[in-house]
Amino acid sequence: MTRLYNNFKKTLPKLDGKVFVITGTTSGTGFVAARTVAELGAEVLLLNRESSRSKDSLEKLQSTVTDGKFVPIKCDLQDFASVTTAAKEIKSKYSQIYCLANNAGIMATPDEATKDGYDTQMQTNHLSHFLLTAELFPLLEAEANATGDARIVNHSSLGREHTPNNGGLEEKYFLKNGGNLGGNEQIMMGSGPYHRYFQTKLANSVFTHALHEKLNAKGSKIRAVCAHPGGSNTHLGDHLNYGFFTNAILRFAMQFMVQSAEDGAMGLLTGMASPSAESGVLYGPLNGKQKSAMTGKAVPNPPQPYETDKDAMDMLWRTSEEATGVKFTI
């Protein structure tokens, strides 16, 4: 049940004339974000793999926001060449974009390599978003120079707080080790599939802090913002199987533990559109003063030391450039 989104949406400004680029809009928070900014007047570029799901979600968006401006762009985040092609298409049609929302993600998938040789989760959740950000950065910079504001929003999760022993980022997950990173045993929150996922979600946060530092040093008007959805009903883990009885118990329990996709999208939308969003800040539900929560309002979450570690930021930037083949200079 949606509890907070409707009142939250009233705090967002009109977005007429602004161009948003969002990855992963077929369902969940990405779909809600695309629908919301379109309802507020924005033009929305929808970056998804070509599939029946992307076609169906586009039709649903168009029928829901009848005067909405939606532009589908083919983009497979498990293929660097596809990301580059999508970026070229955008640059051929637009000279400025207001917001890039790196939203798409997968969770606890098999230990496999993409065609580029990298872990499927790391390439989908971080590396391809790094590449897309680098490719579209000139359009964001043009918007910021013209209007005084542009945004890069990375969508993290609670998983960023669960790397083993709070050990932070590990370089091996950023290298061509796909298929050799812990195997496929599914022990809830404590096995290879989850360890890989946690690394990608921490990468989203570390990438944001690295961007913020570089943008701030340059005096840029681009905001680098991060978000997490708490525990949201987004179907991200529908493929997971712990056995019949465990699955049944989990499905029952999660009804009371998670919030709607609309409520889960509030952190993402804060970064994308709220006038009060601050660069270098992660927005989402907060439990007390330190740890992220499953449900609640989207508020600033204080970073943990491993999210702002200088060595981690340098390693992420270096390995991401090497993986994607781009030199991303701000």
C-alpha atoms as a PDB file:
ATOM      1  CA  MET A   1       0.000   0.000   0.000  1.00  0.00           C
ATOM      2  CA  THR A   2       1.271   3.460  -0.911  1.00  0.00           C
ATOM      3  CA  ARG A   3       1.432   5.643   2.207  1.00  0.00           C
ATOM      4  CA  LEU A   4       3.780   8.552   1.513  1.00  0.00           C
ATOM      5  CA  TYR A   5       4.193   9.053  -2.233  1.00  0.00           C
ATOM      6  CA  ASN A   6       1.098  11.151  -2.955  1.00  0.00           C
ATOM      7  CA  ASN A   7       1.997  13.855  -0.445  1.00  0.00           C
ATOM      8  CA  PHE A   8       5.655  13.657  -1.477  1.00  0.00           C
ATOM      9  CA  LYS A   9       4.795  14.212  -5.136  1.00  0.00           C
ATOM     10  CA  LYS A  10       3.126  17.518  -4.229  1.00  0.00           C
ATOM     11  CA  THR A  11       6.534  18.838  -3.133  1.00  0.00           C
ATOM     12  CA  LEU A  12       8.079  18.363  -6.585  1.00  0.00           C
ATOM     13  CA  PRO A  13       8.207  21.262  -9.062  1.00  0.00           C
ATOM     14  CA  LYS A  14       6.945  21.399 -12.620  1.00  0.00           C
ATOM     15  CA  LEU A  15       9.517  20.002 -15.022  1.00  0.00           C
ATOM     16  CA  ASP A  16       8.376  21.428 -18.350  1.00  0.00           C
ATOM     17  CA  GLY A  17      11.114  21.480 -20.963  1.00  0.00           C
ATOM     18  CA  LYS A  18      13.516  19.285 -19.004  1.00  0.00           C
ATOM     19  CA  VAL A  19      14.898  16.054 -20.463  1.00  0.00           C
ATOM     20  CA  PHE A  20      15.352  13.004 -18.229  1.00  0.00           C
ATOM     21  CA  VAL A  21      17.270   9.853 -19.154  1.00  0.00           C
ATOM     22  CA  ILE A  22      16.294   6.847 -17.016  1.00  0.00           C
ATOM     23  CA  THR A  23      17.585   3.279 -17.218  1.00  0.00           C
ATOM     24  CA  GLY A  24      15.348   0.377 -16.249  1.00  0.00           C
ATOM     25  CA  THR A  25      11.809   1.715 -16.563  1.00  0.00           C
ATOM     26  CA  THR A  26       9.827  -1.449 -17.264  1.00  0.00           C
ATOM     27  CA  SER A  27       8.691  -1.862 -13.652  1.00  0.00           C
ATOM     28  CA  GLY A  28       9.301  -0.856 -10.058  1.00  0.00           C
ATOM     29  CA  THR A  29      10.909   2.416  -9.071  1.00  0.00           C
ATOM     30  CA  GLY A  30      12.090   3.175 -12.599  1.00  0.00           C
ATOM     31  CA  PHE A  31       8.561   2.950 -13.962  1.00  0.00           C
ATOM     32  CA  VAL A  32       7.248   5.166 -11.147  1.00  0.00           C
ATOM     33  CA  ALA A  33      10.025   7.707 -11.699  1.00  0.00           C
ATOM     34  CA  ALA A  34       9.361   7.866 -15.447  1.00  0.00           C
ATOM     35  CA  ARG A  35       5.626   8.263 -14.910  1.00  0.00           C
ATOM     36  CA  THR A  36       6.077  10.922 -12.241  1.00  0.00           C
ATOM     37  CA  VAL A  37       8.445  13.233 -14.093  1.00  0.00           C
ATOM     38  CA  ALA A  38       6.328  12.885 -17.247  1.00  0.00           C
ATOM     39  CA  GLU A  39       3.244  13.922 -15.269  1.00  0.00           C
ATOM     40  CA  LEU A  40       5.226  16.979 -14.176  1.00  0.00           C
ATOM     41  CA  GLY A  41       5.949  17.932 -17.783  1.00  0.00           C
ATOM     42  CA  ALA A  42       9.332  16.381 -18.528  1.00  0.00           C
ATOM     43  CA  GLU A  43      10.429  14.562 -21.667  1.00  0.00           C
ATOM     44  CA  VAL A  44      11.565  11.080 -20.652  1.00  0.00           C
ATOM     45  CA  LEU A  45      14.055   8.874 -22.469  1.00  0.00           C
ATOM     46  CA  LEU A  46      13.455   5.244 -21.486  1.00  0.00           C
ATOM     47  CA  LEU A  47      16.583   3.079 -21.722  1.00  0.00           C
ATOM     48  CA  ASN A  48      15.752  -0.635 -21.685  1.00  0.00           C
ATOM     49  CA  ARG A  49      16.617  -3.857 -23.427  1.00  0.00           C
ATOM     50  CA  GLU A  50      14.321  -4.590 -26.342  1.00  0.00           C
ATOM     51  CA  SER A  51      11.670  -6.971 -25.010  1.00  0.00           C
ATOM     52  CA  SER A  52       7.944  -7.490 -24.627  1.00  0.00           C
ATOM     53  CA  ARG A  53       8.256  -6.007 -21.128  1.00  0.00           C
ATOM     54  CA  SER A  54       9.720  -2.762 -22.428  1.00  0.00           C
ATOM     55  CA  LYS A  55       7.031  -2.546 -25.107  1.00  0.00           C
ATOM     56  CA  ASP A  56       4.229  -3.249 -22.622  1.00  0.00           C
ATOM     57  CA  SER A  57       5.563  -0.759 -20.067  1.00  0.00           C
ATOM     58  CA  LEU A  58       5.837   1.955 -22.722  1.00  0.00           C
ATOM     59  CA  GLU A  59       2.212   1.391 -23.701  1.00  0.00           C
ATOM     60  CA  LYS A  60       1.200   1.537 -20.040  1.00  0.00           C
ATOM     61  CA  LEU A  61       3.071   4.806 -19.523  1.00  0.00           C
ATOM     62  CA  GLN A  62       1.505   6.305 -22.637  1.00  0.00           C
ATOM     63  CA  SER A  63      -1.991   5.288 -21.563  1.00  0.00           C
ATOM     64  CA  THR A  64      -1.443   6.584 -18.020  1.00  0.00           C
ATOM     65  CA  VAL A  65       0.134   9.909 -19.004  1.00  0.00           C
ATOM     66  CA  THR A  66      -1.726  10.616 -22.229  1.00  0.00           C
ATOM     67  CA  ASP A  67       0.115  13.864 -22.924  1.00  0.00           C
ATOM     68  CA  GLY A  68       3.466  12.471 -21.778  1.00  0.00           C
ATOM     69  CA  LYS A  69       6.610  12.678 -23.876  1.00  0.00           C
ATOM     70  CA  PHE A  70       8.256   9.245 -23.860  1.00  0.00           C
ATOM     71  CA  VAL A  71      11.170   8.255 -26.092  1.00  0.00           C
ATOM     72  CA  PRO A  72      12.236   4.577 -26.010  1.00  0.00           C
ATOM     73  CA  ILE A  73      15.962   3.939 -26.509  1.00  0.00           C
ATOM     74  CA  LYS A  74      17.368   0.428 -26.912  1.00  0.00           C
ATOM     75  CA  CYS A  75      20.071  -0.166 -24.325  1.00  0.00           C
ATOM     76  CA  ASP A  76      21.397  -3.484 -23.024  1.00  0.00           C
ATOM     77  CA  LEU A  77      23.495  -2.809 -19.935  1.00  0.00           C
ATOM     78  CA  GLN A  78      25.185  -6.206 -20.298  1.00  0.00           C
ATOM     79  CA  ASP A  79      26.778  -5.046 -23.551  1.00  0.00           C
ATOM     80  CA  PHE A  80      29.115  -2.034 -23.576  1.00  0.00           C
ATOM     81  CA  ALA A  81      28.640  -1.624 -27.335  1.00  0.00           C
ATOM     82  CA  SER A  82      24.872  -1.311 -26.835  1.00  0.00           C
ATOM     83  CA  VAL A  83      25.379   1.365 -24.178  1.00  0.00           C
ATOM     84  CA  THR A  84      27.682   3.321 -26.477  1.00  0.00           C
ATOM     85  CA  THR A  85      25.166   3.054 -29.323  1.00  0.00           C
ATOM     86  CA  ALA A  86      22.359   4.288 -27.060  1.00  0.00           C
ATOM     87  CA  ALA A  87      24.479   7.237 -25.956  1.00  0.00           C
ATOM     88  CA  LYS A  88      25.283   8.110 -29.571  1.00  0.00           C
ATOM     89  CA  GLU A  89      21.578   8.075 -30.417  1.00  0.00           C
ATOM     90  CA  ILE A  90      20.835  10.438 -27.538  1.00  0.00           C
ATOM     91  CA  LYS A  91      23.687  12.781 -28.476  1.00  0.00           C
ATOM     92  CA  SER A  92      22.483  12.877 -32.072  1.00  0.00           C
ATOM     93  CA  LYS A  93      19.044  14.123 -30.956  1.00  0.00           C
ATOM     94  CA  TYR A  94      19.746  16.255 -27.873  1.00  0.00           C
ATOM     95  CA  SER A  95      22.273  18.928 -26.978  1.00  0.00           C
ATOM     96  CA  GLN A  96      21.327  19.067 -23.296  1.00  0.00           C
ATOM     97  CA  ILE A  97      19.815  16.743 -20.689  1.00  0.00           C
ATOM     98  CA  TYR A  98      18.717  17.738 -17.209  1.00  0.00           C
ATOM     99  CA  CYS A  99      19.003  14.411 -15.409  1.00  0.00           C
ATOM    100  CA  LEU A 100      20.584  11.011 -15.909  1.00  0.00           C
ATOM    101  CA  ALA A 101      19.026   8.482 -13.530  1.00  0.00           C
ATOM    102  CA  ASN A 102      21.120   5.319 -13.353  1.00  0.00           C
ATOM    103  CA  ASN A 103      18.303   3.222 -11.960  1.00  0.00           C
ATOM    104  CA  ALA A 104      18.387  -0.213 -13.601  1.00  0.00           C
ATOM    105  CA  GLY A 105      19.625  -3.131 -11.570  1.00  0.00           C
ATOM    106  CA  ILE A 106      19.616  -6.891 -11.099  1.00  0.00           C
ATOM    107  CA  MET A 107      20.079  -8.862  -7.871  1.00  0.00           C
ATOM    108  CA  ALA A 108      21.648 -12.183  -6.882  1.00  0.00           C
ATOM    109  CA  THR A 109      21.843 -13.545 -10.422  1.00  0.00           C
ATOM    110  CA  PRO A 110      24.032 -16.519 -11.468  1.00  0.00           C
ATOM    111  CA  ASP A 111      27.814 -16.256 -11.420  1.00  0.00           C
ATOM    112  CA  GLU A 112      28.219 -15.598 -15.122  1.00  0.00           C
ATOM    113  CA  ALA A 113      30.183 -13.306 -17.390  1.00  0.00           C
ATOM    114  CA  THR A 114      28.756 -10.853 -19.880  1.00  0.00           C
ATOM    115  CA  LYS A 115      29.976 -10.924 -23.469  1.00  0.00           C
ATOM    116  CA  ASP A 116      32.512  -8.311 -22.316  1.00  0.00           C
ATOM    117  CA  GLY A 117      33.860 -10.671 -19.638  1.00  0.00           C
ATOM    118  CA  TYR A 118      32.607  -8.944 -16.498  1.00  0.00           C
ATOM    119  CA  ASP A 119      30.239 -10.116 -13.779  1.00  0.00           C
ATOM    120  CA  THR A 120      26.673  -9.658 -14.989  1.00  0.00           C
ATOM    121  CA  GLN A 121      25.628  -7.811 -11.844  1.00  0.00           C
ATOM    122  CA  MET A 122      28.618  -5.461 -11.767  1.00  0.00           C
ATOM    123  CA  GLN A 123      28.314  -4.608 -15.458  1.00  0.00           C
ATOM    124  CA  THR A 124      24.555  -4.048 -15.258  1.00  0.00           C
ATOM    125  CA  ASN A 125      24.462  -2.181 -11.972  1.00  0.00           C
ATOM    126  CA  HIS A 126      27.643  -0.113 -12.181  1.00  0.00           C
ATOM    127  CA  LEU A 127      30.080  -0.440 -15.088  1.00  0.00           C
ATOM    128  CA  SER A 128      27.589   0.303 -17.861  1.00  0.00           C
ATOM    129  CA  HIS A 129      26.186   3.196 -15.843  1.00  0.00           C
ATOM    130  CA  PHE A 130      29.720   4.564 -15.473  1.00  0.00           C
ATOM    131  CA  LEU A 131      30.085   4.332 -19.261  1.00  0.00           C
ATOM    132  CA  LEU A 132      26.702   5.956 -19.878  1.00  0.00           C
ATOM    133  CA  THR A 133      27.513   8.777 -17.460  1.00  0.00           C
ATOM    134  CA  ALA A 134      30.834   9.432 -19.170  1.00  0.00           C
ATOM    135  CA  GLU A 135      29.239   9.439 -22.625  1.00  0.00           C
ATOM    136  CA  LEU A 136      26.376  11.772 -21.661  1.00  0.00           C
ATOM    137  CA  PHE A 137      28.390  14.042 -19.374  1.00  0.00           C
ATOM    138  CA  PRO A 138      28.830  16.792 -22.024  1.00  0.00           C
ATOM    139  CA  LEU A 139      25.026  17.058 -22.349  1.00  0.00           C
ATOM    140  CA  LEU A 140      24.632  17.361 -18.585  1.00  0.00           C
ATOM    141  CA  GLU A 141      27.390  19.956 -18.482  1.00  0.00           C
ATOM    142  CA  ALA A 142      25.695  21.944 -21.246  1.00  0.00           C
ATOM    143  CA  GLU A 143      22.437  21.950 -19.254  1.00  0.00           C
ATOM    144  CA  ALA A 144      24.196  22.998 -16.054  1.00  0.00           C
ATOM    145  CA  ASN A 145      26.034  25.812 -17.817  1.00  0.00           C
ATOM    146  CA  ALA A 146      22.824  27.044 -19.437  1.00  0.00           C
ATOM    147  CA  THR A 147      20.427  26.755 -16.500  1.00  0.00           C
ATOM    148  CA  GLY A 148      22.552  26.358 -13.377  1.00  0.00           C
ATOM    149  CA  ASP A 149      21.359  22.823 -12.615  1.00  0.00           C
ATOM    150  CA  ALA A 150      21.713  19.242 -13.852  1.00  0.00           C
ATOM    151  CA  ARG A 151      21.738  15.925 -12.038  1.00  0.00           C
ATOM    152  CA  ILE A 152      23.308  12.481 -12.032  1.00  0.00           C
ATOM    153  CA  VAL A 153      21.406  10.091  -9.766  1.00  0.00           C
ATOM    154  CA  ASN A 154      22.689   6.620  -8.913  1.00  0.00           C
ATOM    155  CA  HIS A 155      20.264   4.129  -7.389  1.00  0.00           C
ATOM    156  CA  SER A 156      21.882   2.065  -4.654  1.00  0.00           C
ATOM    157  CA  SER A 157      20.175  -0.144  -2.059  1.00  0.00           C
ATOM    158  CA  LEU A 158      20.332  -1.423   1.500  1.00  0.00           C
ATOM    159  CA  GLY A 159      22.798  -3.969   0.139  1.00  0.00           C
ATOM    160  CA  ARG A 160      25.599  -1.409   0.182  1.00  0.00           C
ATOM    161  CA  GLU A 161      25.707  -1.792   3.987  1.00  0.00           C
ATOM    162  CA  HIS A 162      26.166  -5.563   3.886  1.00  0.00           C
ATOM    163  CA  THR A 163      29.560  -6.240   2.337  1.00  0.00           C
ATOM    164  CA  PRO A 164      31.240  -8.968   4.441  1.00  0.00           C
ATOM    165  CA  ASN A 165      32.658  -7.497   7.663  1.00  0.00           C
ATOM    166  CA  ASN A 166      32.022  -4.012   6.253  1.00  0.00           C
ATOM    167  CA  GLY A 167      35.073  -4.667   4.139  1.00  0.00           C
ATOM    168  CA  GLY A 168      34.211  -2.140   1.461  1.00  0.00           C
ATOM    169  CA  LEU A 169      34.832  -2.497  -2.253  1.00  0.00           C
ATOM    170  CA  GLU A 170      37.021  -5.306  -3.576  1.00  0.00           C
ATOM    171  CA  GLU A 171      38.853  -4.828  -6.853  1.00  0.00           C
ATOM    172  CA  LYS A 172      38.303  -8.394  -8.062  1.00  0.00           C
ATOM    173  CA  TYR A 173      34.625  -7.650  -8.692  1.00  0.00           C
ATOM    174  CA  PHE A 174      35.553  -4.900 -11.184  1.00  0.00           C
ATOM    175  CA  LEU A 175      37.857  -7.078 -13.284  1.00  0.00           C
ATOM    176  CA  LYS A 176      37.268  -9.663 -16.029  1.00  0.00           C
ATOM    177  CA  ASN A 177      36.406 -12.323 -13.477  1.00  0.00           C
ATOM    178  CA  GLY A 178      32.817 -12.949 -14.517  1.00  0.00           C
ATOM    179  CA  GLY A 179      31.836 -16.536 -13.722  1.00  0.00           C
ATOM    180  CA  ASN A 180      34.523 -16.894 -11.043  1.00  0.00           C
ATOM    181  CA  LEU A 181      33.180 -14.772  -8.206  1.00  0.00           C
ATOM    182  CA  GLY A 182      31.679 -17.012  -5.565  1.00  0.00           C
ATOM    183  CA  GLY A 183      29.402 -19.415  -7.393  1.00  0.00           C
ATOM    184  CA  ASN A 184      25.636 -19.781  -7.240  1.00  0.00           C
ATOM    185  CA  GLU A 185      24.768 -21.203  -3.819  1.00  0.00           C
ATOM    186  CA  GLN A 186      21.795 -19.242  -2.500  1.00  0.00           C
ATOM    187  CA  ILE A 187      22.209 -18.700   1.225  1.00  0.00           C
ATOM    188  CA  MET A 188      20.048 -15.743   2.089  1.00  0.00           C
ATOM    189  CA  MET A 189      22.151 -12.572   2.235  1.00  0.00           C
ATOM    190  CA  GLY A 190      25.345 -14.554   2.786  1.00  0.00           C
ATOM    191  CA  SER A 191      26.549 -16.208  -0.394  1.00  0.00           C
ATOM    192  CA  GLY A 192      28.237 -15.499  -3.703  1.00  0.00           C
ATOM    193  CA  PRO A 193      25.195 -14.111  -5.546  1.00  0.00           C
ATOM    194  CA  TYR A 194      24.530 -11.656  -2.723  1.00  0.00           C
ATOM    195  CA  HIS A 195      28.179 -10.745  -2.166  1.00  0.00           C
ATOM    196  CA  ARG A 196      28.384  -9.759  -5.830  1.00  0.00           C
ATOM    197  CA  TYR A 197      25.184  -7.742  -5.493  1.00  0.00           C
ATOM    198  CA  PHE A 198      26.371  -5.947  -2.351  1.00  0.00           C
ATOM    199  CA  GLN A 199      29.554  -4.901  -4.151  1.00  0.00           C
ATOM    200  CA  THR A 200      27.570  -3.370  -7.008  1.00  0.00           C
ATOM    201  CA  LYS A 201      25.296  -1.417  -4.688  1.00  0.00           C
ATOM    202  CA  LEU A 202      28.249  -0.099  -2.700  1.00  0.00           C
ATOM    203  CA  ALA A 203      29.810   0.829  -6.039  1.00  0.00           C
ATOM    204  CA  ASN A 204      26.769   3.021  -6.775  1.00  0.00           C
ATOM    205  CA  SER A 205      27.379   4.982  -3.582  1.00  0.00           C
ATOM    206  CA  VAL A 206      31.167   5.212  -3.951  1.00  0.00           C
ATOM    207  CA  PHE A 207      30.734   6.335  -7.575  1.00  0.00           C
ATOM    208  CA  THR A 208      28.403   9.096  -6.398  1.00  0.00           C
ATOM    209  CA  HIS A 209      30.898  10.356  -3.828  1.00  0.00           C
ATOM    210  CA  ALA A 210      33.708  10.250  -6.392  1.00  0.00           C
ATOM    211  CA  LEU A 211      31.573  12.210  -8.857  1.00  0.00           C
ATOM    212  CA  HIS A 212      30.627  14.729  -6.173  1.00  0.00           C
ATOM    213  CA  GLU A 213      34.252  15.366  -5.219  1.00  0.00           C
ATOM    214  CA  LYS A 214      35.351  15.828  -8.826  1.00  0.00           C
ATOM    215  CA  LEU A 215      32.379  18.063  -9.701  1.00  0.00           C
ATOM    216  CA  ASN A 216      32.849  20.130  -6.560  1.00  0.00           C
ATOM    217  CA  ALA A 217      36.550  20.617  -7.284  1.00  0.00           C
ATOM    218  CA  LYS A 218      35.665  21.878 -10.750  1.00  0.00           C
ATOM    219  CA  GLY A 219      32.954  24.214  -9.465  1.00  0.00           C
ATOM    220  CA  SER A 220      30.359  22.409 -11.578  1.00  0.00           C
ATOM    221  CA  LYS A 221      26.633  23.017 -11.156  1.00  0.00           C
ATOM    222  CA  ILE A 222      25.903  19.320 -11.762  1.00  0.00           C
ATOM    223  CA  ARG A 223      24.634  17.522  -8.668  1.00  0.00           C
ATOM    224  CA  ALA A 224      25.707  13.922  -8.045  1.00  0.00           C
ATOM    225  CA  VAL A 225      23.061  12.313  -5.856  1.00  0.00           C
ATOM    226  CA  CYS A 226      22.466   8.770  -4.627  1.00  0.00           C
ATOM    227  CA  ALA A 227      19.317   7.024  -3.411  1.00  0.00           C
ATOM    228  CA  HIS A 228      18.075   3.776  -1.969  1.00  0.00           C
ATOM    229  CA  PRO A 229      14.483   2.442  -2.090  1.00  0.00           C
ATOM    230  CA  GLY A 230      14.455   0.653   1.243  1.00  0.00           C
ATOM    231  CA  GLY A 231      12.576  -2.600   0.944  1.00  0.00           C
ATOM    232  CA  SER A 232      10.240  -2.055  -1.993  1.00  0.00           C
ATOM    233  CA  ASN A 233       7.789  -4.175  -3.916  1.00  0.00           C
ATOM    234  CA  THR A 234       9.700  -4.039  -7.195  1.00  0.00           C
ATOM    235  CA  HIS A 235       9.889  -7.771  -8.097  1.00  0.00           C
ATOM    236  CA  LEU A 236      13.702  -7.534  -8.183  1.00  0.00           C
ATOM    237  CA  GLY A 237      14.027 -10.872  -6.405  1.00  0.00           C
ATOM    238  CA  ASP A 238      11.178 -12.785  -8.028  1.00  0.00           C
ATOM    239  CA  HIS A 239      13.649 -15.222  -9.599  1.00  0.00           C
ATOM    240  CA  LEU A 240      15.109 -16.342  -6.257  1.00  0.00           C
ATOM    241  CA  ASN A 241      14.213 -19.808  -4.980  1.00  0.00           C
ATOM    242  CA  TYR A 242      14.901 -21.018  -1.430  1.00  0.00           C
ATOM    243  CA  GLY A 243      12.480 -23.933  -1.556  1.00  0.00           C
ATOM    244  CA  PHE A 244       8.694 -24.101  -1.371  1.00  0.00           C
ATOM    245  CA  PHE A 245       8.180 -23.546   2.348  1.00  0.00           C
ATOM    246  CA  THR A 246      10.822 -20.836   2.743  1.00  0.00           C
ATOM    247  CA  ASN A 247       9.492 -19.039  -0.320  1.00  0.00           C
ATOM    248  CA  ALA A 248       5.953 -19.130   1.092  1.00  0.00           C
ATOM    249  CA  ILE A 249       7.069 -17.766   4.457  1.00  0.00           C
ATOM    250  CA  LEU A 250       9.090 -15.020   2.796  1.00  0.00           C
ATOM    251  CA  ARG A 251       6.227 -13.968   0.548  1.00  0.00           C
ATOM    252  CA  PHE A 252       3.922 -13.715   3.558  1.00  0.00           C
ATOM    253  CA  ALA A 253       6.424 -11.851   5.731  1.00  0.00           C
ATOM    254  CA  MET A 254       7.455  -9.402   3.031  1.00  0.00           C
ATOM    255  CA  GLN A 255       3.890  -8.106   2.777  1.00  0.00           C
ATOM    256  CA  PHE A 256       4.458  -6.446   6.137  1.00  0.00           C
ATOM    257  CA  MET A 257       8.130  -5.520   5.725  1.00  0.00           C
ATOM    258  CA  VAL A 258       8.278  -3.651   2.423  1.00  0.00           C
ATOM    259  CA  GLN A 259       6.738  -0.530   0.953  1.00  0.00           C
ATOM    260  CA  SER A 260       5.196   0.111  -2.441  1.00  0.00           C
ATOM    261  CA  ALA A 261       7.246   0.930  -5.515  1.00  0.00           C
ATOM    262  CA  GLU A 262       5.799   4.462  -5.309  1.00  0.00           C
ATOM    263  CA  ASP A 263       7.058   4.961  -1.768  1.00  0.00           C
ATOM    264  CA  GLY A 264      10.331   3.272  -2.706  1.00  0.00           C
ATOM    265  CA  ALA A 265      10.852   5.716  -5.578  1.00  0.00           C
ATOM    266  CA  MET A 266      10.841   8.777  -3.321  1.00  0.00           C
ATOM    267  CA  GLY A 267      14.605   8.739  -2.771  1.00  0.00           C
ATOM    268  CA  LEU A 268      15.244   8.403  -6.498  1.00  0.00           C
ATOM    269  CA  LEU A 269      12.780  11.197  -7.299  1.00  0.00           C
ATOM    270  CA  THR A 270      14.265  13.435  -4.612  1.00  0.00           C
ATOM    271  CA  GLY A 271      17.610  13.236  -6.365  1.00  0.00           C
ATOM    272  CA  MET A 272      16.051  13.639  -9.790  1.00  0.00           C
ATOM    273  CA  ALA A 273      13.731  16.561  -9.181  1.00  0.00           C
ATOM    274  CA  SER A 274      13.605  18.020  -5.676  1.00  0.00           C
ATOM    275  CA  PRO A 275      14.990  21.570  -5.449  1.00  0.00           C
ATOM    276  CA  SER A 276      16.412  20.702  -2.032  1.00  0.00           C
ATOM    277  CA  ALA A 277      18.456  17.685  -3.162  1.00  0.00           C
ATOM    278  CA  GLU A 278      22.110  18.125  -2.266  1.00  0.00           C
ATOM    279  CA  SER A 279      25.065  16.802  -4.217  1.00  0.00           C
ATOM    280  CA  GLY A 280      26.989  14.053  -2.451  1.00  0.00           C
ATOM    281  CA  VAL A 281      23.985  12.955  -0.384  1.00  0.00           C
ATOM    282  CA  LEU A 282      22.121   9.627  -0.412  1.00  0.00           C
ATOM    283  CA  TYR A 283      18.347   9.800   0.107  1.00  0.00           C
ATOM    284  CA  GLY A 284      16.134   6.997   1.374  1.00  0.00           C
ATOM    285  CA  PRO A 285      14.482   5.597   4.501  1.00  0.00           C
ATOM    286  CA  LEU A 286      16.636   5.899   7.633  1.00  0.00           C
ATOM    287  CA  ASN A 287      16.599   3.829  10.810  1.00  0.00           C
ATOM    288  CA  GLY A 288      17.598   6.102  13.672  1.00  0.00           C
ATOM    289  CA  LYS A 289      20.668   8.182  12.861  1.00  0.00           C
ATOM    290  CA  GLN A 290      23.055   5.791  11.126  1.00  0.00           C
ATOM    291  CA  LYS A 291      21.608   2.837   9.214  1.00  0.00           C
ATOM    292  CA  SER A 292      19.241   2.733   6.271  1.00  0.00           C
ATOM    293  CA  ALA A 293      15.732   1.400   6.864  1.00  0.00           C
ATOM    294  CA  MET A 294      13.249  -0.751   4.963  1.00  0.00           C
ATOM    295  CA  THR A 295      10.435   1.793   4.909  1.00  0.00           C
ATOM    296  CA  GLY A 296       9.839   5.464   5.497  1.00  0.00           C
ATOM    297  CA  LYS A 297      10.393   8.921   4.102  1.00  0.00           C
ATOM    298  CA  ALA A 298      13.341   9.658   1.838  1.00  0.00           C
ATOM    299  CA  VAL A 299      15.817  11.555   4.005  1.00  0.00           C
ATOM    300  CA  PRO A 300      19.601  12.032   3.950  1.00  0.00           C
ATOM    301  CA  ASN A 301      21.481   8.893   5.027  1.00  0.00           C
ATOM    302  CA  PRO A 302      24.901   9.572   6.595  1.00  0.00           C
ATOM    303  CA  PRO A 303      27.685   7.806   4.682  1.00  0.00           C
ATOM    304  CA  GLN A 304      29.700   5.021   6.232  1.00  0.00           C
ATOM    305  CA  PRO A 305      33.517   5.314   6.090  1.00  0.00           C
ATOM    306  CA  TYR A 306      33.759   2.671   3.354  1.00  0.00           C
ATOM    307  CA  GLU A 307      31.465   4.761   1.124  1.00  0.00           C
ATOM    308  CA  THR A 308      33.764   7.799   1.175  1.00  0.00           C
ATOM    309  CA  ASP A 309      37.113   5.994   1.299  1.00  0.00           C
ATOM    310  CA  LYS A 310      39.581   7.763  -1.011  1.00  0.00           C
ATOM    311  CA  ASP A 311      41.346   4.561  -2.059  1.00  0.00           C
ATOM    312  CA  ALA A 312      37.997   2.957  -2.904  1.00  0.00           C
ATOM    313  CA  MET A 313      36.977   5.943  -5.032  1.00  0.00           C
ATOM    314  CA  ASP A 314      40.307   5.901  -6.887  1.00  0.00           C
ATOM    315  CA  MET A 315      40.130   2.136  -7.461  1.00  0.00           C
ATOM    316  CA  LEU A 316      36.548   2.331  -8.724  1.00  0.00           C
ATOM    317  CA  TRP A 317      37.349   5.132 -11.169  1.00  0.00           C
ATOM    318  CA  ARG A 318      40.500   3.445 -12.483  1.00  0.00           C
ATOM    319  CA  THR A 319      38.996  -0.012 -12.958  1.00  0.00           C
ATOM    320  CA  SER A 320      35.777   1.390 -14.424  1.00  0.00           C
ATOM    321  CA  GLU A 321      37.739   3.350 -17.024  1.00  0.00           C
ATOM    322  CA  GLU A 322      39.791   0.261 -17.851  1.00  0.00           C
ATOM    323  CA  ALA A 323      36.705  -1.945 -18.153  1.00  0.00           C
ATOM    324  CA  THR A 324      34.676   0.426 -20.308  1.00  0.00           C
ATOM    325  CA  GLY A 325      37.537   1.806 -22.365  1.00  0.00           C
ATOM    326  CA  VAL A 326      36.621   5.442 -21.716  1.00  0.00           C
ATOM    327  CA  LYS A 327      38.683   8.193 -20.152  1.00  0.00           C
ATOM    328  CA  PHE A 328      36.202  10.010 -17.927  1.00  0.00           C
ATOM    329  CA  THR A 329      37.740  13.363 -17.049  1.00  0.00           C
ATOM    330  CA  ILE A 330      35.739  15.993 -15.190  1.00  0.00           C
END
